[in-house]
């Protein structure tokens, strides 16, 4: 396995996801943000500082291991390229060993919108085929609202999504998003959530 640090320009349409779901609400917010930010600006200059971590997989395909929401949002405003940073070259591995390695490193998340683990074959081929998980969107909003801190580890917000899946009724999430956020903020401060990355509960309440 060889490691590269030089950023490269990649076509967003040729990037492959390493997860099954995203929070589509978060994708739409990012899309609107980028649409306004890039209006009348030099797109290349504004996006040059954003580096999407990727792994080179079988047949030289590029697999995104973070920033799925960002890449999908950019594709929705017809942005064709994004700068990438290659974390590993696994192009010599067959599919089975590639996915086993990715799983062992925590570089993939083969879980569906109900939080159930699926086979690696269930991971979509394209970013545009990612499935909406409302609880992943809720976890993202919880972080934005200060209910938990952002963690650098990939897929950490999926852990929050699975926690919230058991605490926030789906009907509430569907019918009253603001109330769902308030409930999520309340349960996120409890000791029960203290094992989660970025927990911001009362200092010293959990040992």
Protein backbone atom coordinates (compact mmCIF):
# COMPACT_ATOMS: atom_id res chain seq x y z
CA UNK A 1 0.00 0.00 0.00
CA UNK A 2 1.47 3.35 -1.00
CA UNK A 3 0.43 6.68 0.49
CA UNK A 4 0.20 9.94 -1.46
CA UNK A 5 -0.26 13.46 -0.17
CA UNK A 6 -0.30 15.51 -3.37
CA UNK A 7 -3.75 16.92 -4.12
CA UNK A 8 -5.24 15.98 -7.48
CA UNK A 9 -8.26 17.20 -9.40
CA UNK A 10 -10.94 14.55 -9.90
CA UNK A 11 -14.27 14.43 -11.69
CA UNK A 12 -17.06 14.27 -9.14
CA UNK A 13 -19.09 12.03 -11.43
CA UNK A 14 -16.29 9.45 -11.35
CA UNK A 15 -16.03 9.30 -7.56
CA UNK A 16 -17.43 6.24 -5.81
CA UNK A 17 -19.06 6.32 -2.36
CA UNK A 18 -18.08 4.11 0.56
CA UNK A 19 -21.41 4.40 2.35
CA UNK A 20 -25.06 3.76 1.49
CA UNK A 21 -26.81 6.83 2.91
CA UNK A 22 -26.56 10.56 3.44
CA UNK A 23 -28.81 13.13 5.08
CA UNK A 24 -30.46 14.75 2.07
CA UNK A 25 -31.45 17.77 4.13
CA UNK A 26 -27.79 18.44 4.86
CA UNK A 27 -26.95 17.95 1.17
CA UNK A 28 -29.55 20.56 0.17
CA UNK A 29 -28.22 23.05 2.72
CA UNK A 30 -24.69 22.59 1.43
CA UNK A 31 -25.95 22.94 -2.15
CA UNK A 32 -27.63 26.25 -1.33
CA UNK A 33 -24.55 27.45 0.54
CA UNK A 34 -22.22 26.69 -2.35
CA UNK A 35 -24.66 28.13 -4.87
CA UNK A 36 -24.58 31.48 -3.07
CA UNK A 37 -20.88 31.35 -2.22
CA UNK A 38 -19.83 30.66 -5.80
CA UNK A 39 -22.15 33.13 -7.47
CA UNK A 40 -19.98 35.26 -9.72
CA UNK A 41 -16.78 33.96 -8.09
CA UNK A 42 -13.80 32.00 -9.33
CA UNK A 43 -15.01 28.48 -8.58
CA UNK A 44 -11.55 26.96 -8.73
CA UNK A 45 -10.11 29.48 -6.30
CA UNK A 46 -12.95 29.08 -3.80
CA UNK A 47 -12.90 25.29 -3.83
CA UNK A 48 -9.16 24.78 -4.07
CA UNK A 49 -8.75 24.57 -0.30
CA UNK A 50 -11.27 21.74 -0.01
CA UNK A 51 -9.54 18.36 -0.19
CA UNK A 52 -11.68 15.23 -0.38
CA UNK A 53 -9.88 12.14 0.98
CA UNK A 54 -9.98 9.21 -1.43
CA UNK A 55 -8.61 5.70 -1.81
CA UNK A 56 -7.57 4.27 -5.17
CA UNK A 57 -9.43 0.99 -5.49
CA UNK A 58 -9.61 -1.87 -7.99
CA UNK A 59 -9.35 -0.82 -11.65
CA UNK A 60 -8.04 2.58 -10.53
CA UNK A 61 -11.44 3.77 -9.30
CA UNK A 62 -11.49 6.56 -6.71
CA UNK A 63 -13.44 5.89 -3.51
CA UNK A 64 -14.47 8.77 -1.26
CA UNK A 65 -13.91 8.09 2.45
CA UNK A 66 -15.24 11.43 3.75
CA UNK A 67 -17.17 14.50 2.52
CA UNK A 68 -19.88 12.56 0.70
CA UNK A 69 -22.39 15.32 1.48
CA UNK A 70 -20.07 17.98 0.11
CA UNK A 71 -19.37 16.11 -3.13
CA UNK A 72 -23.03 15.38 -3.74
CA UNK A 73 -23.96 19.00 -3.03
CA UNK A 74 -21.36 20.24 -5.51
CA UNK A 75 -22.66 17.86 -8.16
CA UNK A 76 -26.15 19.34 -7.69
CA UNK A 77 -24.88 22.79 -8.69
CA UNK A 78 -23.16 21.27 -11.74
CA UNK A 79 -19.67 21.55 -10.32
CA UNK A 80 -17.67 18.96 -12.25
CA UNK A 81 -14.40 18.70 -10.32
CA UNK A 82 -13.12 18.65 -6.78
CA UNK A 83 -9.61 18.49 -5.31
CA UNK A 84 -8.76 15.16 -3.71
CA UNK A 85 -6.09 13.82 -1.38
CA UNK A 86 -5.16 10.17 -1.86
CA UNK A 87 -4.89 8.27 1.42
CA UNK A 88 -3.93 4.87 -0.02
CA UNK A 89 -3.41 3.06 -3.30
CA UNK A 90 -5.21 -0.29 -3.12
CA UNK A 91 -5.60 -0.70 -6.86
CA UNK A 92 -3.77 -4.04 -6.80
CA UNK A 93 -6.36 -5.68 -4.55
CA UNK A 94 -9.32 -7.72 -5.83
CA UNK A 95 -12.74 -6.46 -4.77
CA UNK A 96 -13.18 -8.85 -1.84
CA UNK A 97 -9.83 -8.01 -0.24
CA UNK A 98 -10.28 -4.32 -1.01
CA UNK A 99 -13.56 -4.10 0.89
CA UNK A 100 -12.21 -6.22 3.76
CA UNK A 101 -9.30 -3.79 4.12
CA UNK A 102 -11.59 -0.75 3.89
CA UNK A 103 -13.87 -2.22 6.55
CA UNK A 104 -10.98 -2.99 8.89
CA UNK A 105 -9.67 0.57 8.57
CA UNK A 106 -13.08 2.13 9.17
CA UNK A 107 -13.07 3.56 5.65
CA UNK A 108 -16.50 2.28 4.66
CA UNK A 109 -19.96 2.24 6.24
CA UNK A 110 -22.23 -0.39 4.67
CA UNK A 111 -25.35 0.43 6.71
CA UNK A 112 -28.74 1.30 5.28
CA UNK A 113 -31.27 4.01 6.24
CA UNK A 114 -32.55 1.81 9.09
CA UNK A 115 -29.08 1.38 10.55
CA UNK A 116 -28.84 -2.22 9.41
CA UNK A 117 -25.58 -3.59 8.05
CA UNK A 118 -25.68 -4.71 4.43
CA UNK A 119 -23.25 -6.40 2.08
CA UNK A 120 -20.59 -4.29 0.40
CA UNK A 121 -22.49 -4.82 -2.86
CA UNK A 122 -25.27 -2.61 -1.46
CA UNK A 123 -22.97 0.44 -1.52
CA UNK A 124 -24.03 2.48 -4.58
CA UNK A 125 -21.75 2.92 -7.54
CA UNK A 126 -22.39 6.68 -7.78
CA UNK A 127 -22.79 9.51 -5.31
CA UNK A 128 -26.10 10.41 -6.93
CA UNK A 129 -27.49 6.99 -5.94
CA UNK A 130 -26.98 7.51 -2.21
CA UNK A 131 -30.11 6.94 -0.10
CA UNK A 132 -31.62 9.45 2.33
CA UNK A 133 -31.35 8.62 6.04
CA UNK A 134 -33.34 11.28 7.95
CA UNK A 135 -31.51 10.38 11.17
CA UNK A 136 -28.16 11.07 9.53
CA UNK A 137 -29.57 14.47 8.65
CA UNK A 138 -30.75 14.93 12.24
CA UNK A 139 -27.28 14.06 13.53
CA UNK A 140 -25.78 16.69 11.25
CA UNK A 141 -28.23 19.32 12.48
CA UNK A 142 -27.53 18.32 16.07
CA UNK A 143 -23.85 19.06 15.51
CA UNK A 144 -24.65 22.38 13.81
CA UNK A 145 -26.80 23.33 16.78
CA UNK A 146 -23.96 22.61 19.21
CA UNK A 147 -25.38 19.36 20.57
CA UNK A 148 -22.14 17.52 19.81
CA UNK A 149 -18.70 18.42 18.54
CA UNK A 150 -17.37 17.66 15.08
CA UNK A 151 -15.00 14.72 15.06
CA UNK A 152 -12.34 14.11 12.36
CA UNK A 153 -12.96 10.36 12.16
CA UNK A 154 -15.00 9.34 9.09
CA UNK A 155 -18.60 8.23 9.67
CA UNK A 156 -18.71 9.43 13.30
CA UNK A 157 -22.07 11.15 12.71
CA UNK A 158 -23.57 7.79 11.73
CA UNK A 159 -22.99 6.68 15.32
CA UNK A 160 -25.04 9.65 16.46
CA UNK A 161 -27.70 8.81 13.86
CA UNK A 162 -28.05 5.29 15.24
CA UNK A 163 -28.28 6.62 18.79
CA UNK A 164 -30.98 9.13 17.82
CA UNK A 165 -32.87 6.46 15.86
CA UNK A 166 -33.82 4.89 19.19
CA UNK A 167 -34.59 8.19 20.94
CA UNK A 168 -36.45 10.40 18.46
CA UNK A 169 -39.71 9.00 17.02
CA UNK A 170 -39.77 8.83 13.24
CA UNK A 171 -43.18 10.53 13.21
CA UNK A 172 -41.78 13.52 15.10
CA UNK A 173 -38.79 13.70 12.78
CA UNK A 174 -41.10 13.65 9.77
CA UNK A 175 -43.76 16.07 11.04
CA UNK A 176 -41.93 18.56 13.30
CA UNK A 177 -38.22 18.83 12.61
CA UNK A 178 -37.68 21.66 15.11
CA UNK A 179 -39.21 19.59 17.90
CA UNK A 180 -37.07 16.65 16.81
CA UNK A 181 -33.95 18.82 17.11
CA UNK A 182 -34.96 19.93 20.60
CA UNK A 183 -35.45 16.33 21.70
CA UNK A 184 -32.16 15.32 20.09
CA UNK A 185 -30.34 18.09 21.97
CA UNK A 186 -31.83 16.93 25.25
CA UNK A 187 -30.89 13.26 24.86
CA UNK A 188 -27.45 14.15 23.47
CA UNK A 189 -26.48 15.67 26.83
CA UNK A 190 -27.26 12.55 28.85
CA UNK A 191 -24.77 10.05 30.21
CA UNK A 192 -26.30 7.46 27.89
CA UNK A 193 -24.73 9.31 24.96
CA UNK A 194 -21.34 9.79 26.64
CA UNK A 195 -19.68 7.00 24.61
CA UNK A 196 -20.30 8.83 21.35
CA UNK A 197 -17.58 10.85 19.57
CA UNK A 198 -17.90 14.57 20.21
CA UNK A 199 -20.16 14.17 23.25
CA UNK A 200 -20.73 17.56 24.92
CA UNK A 201 -22.61 16.54 28.04
CA UNK A 202 -22.16 18.13 31.46
CA UNK A 203 -18.50 18.05 32.46
CA UNK A 204 -17.71 15.29 34.90
CA UNK A 205 -21.11 13.60 34.68
CA UNK A 206 -19.66 10.45 33.15
CA UNK A 207 -16.56 8.61 34.26
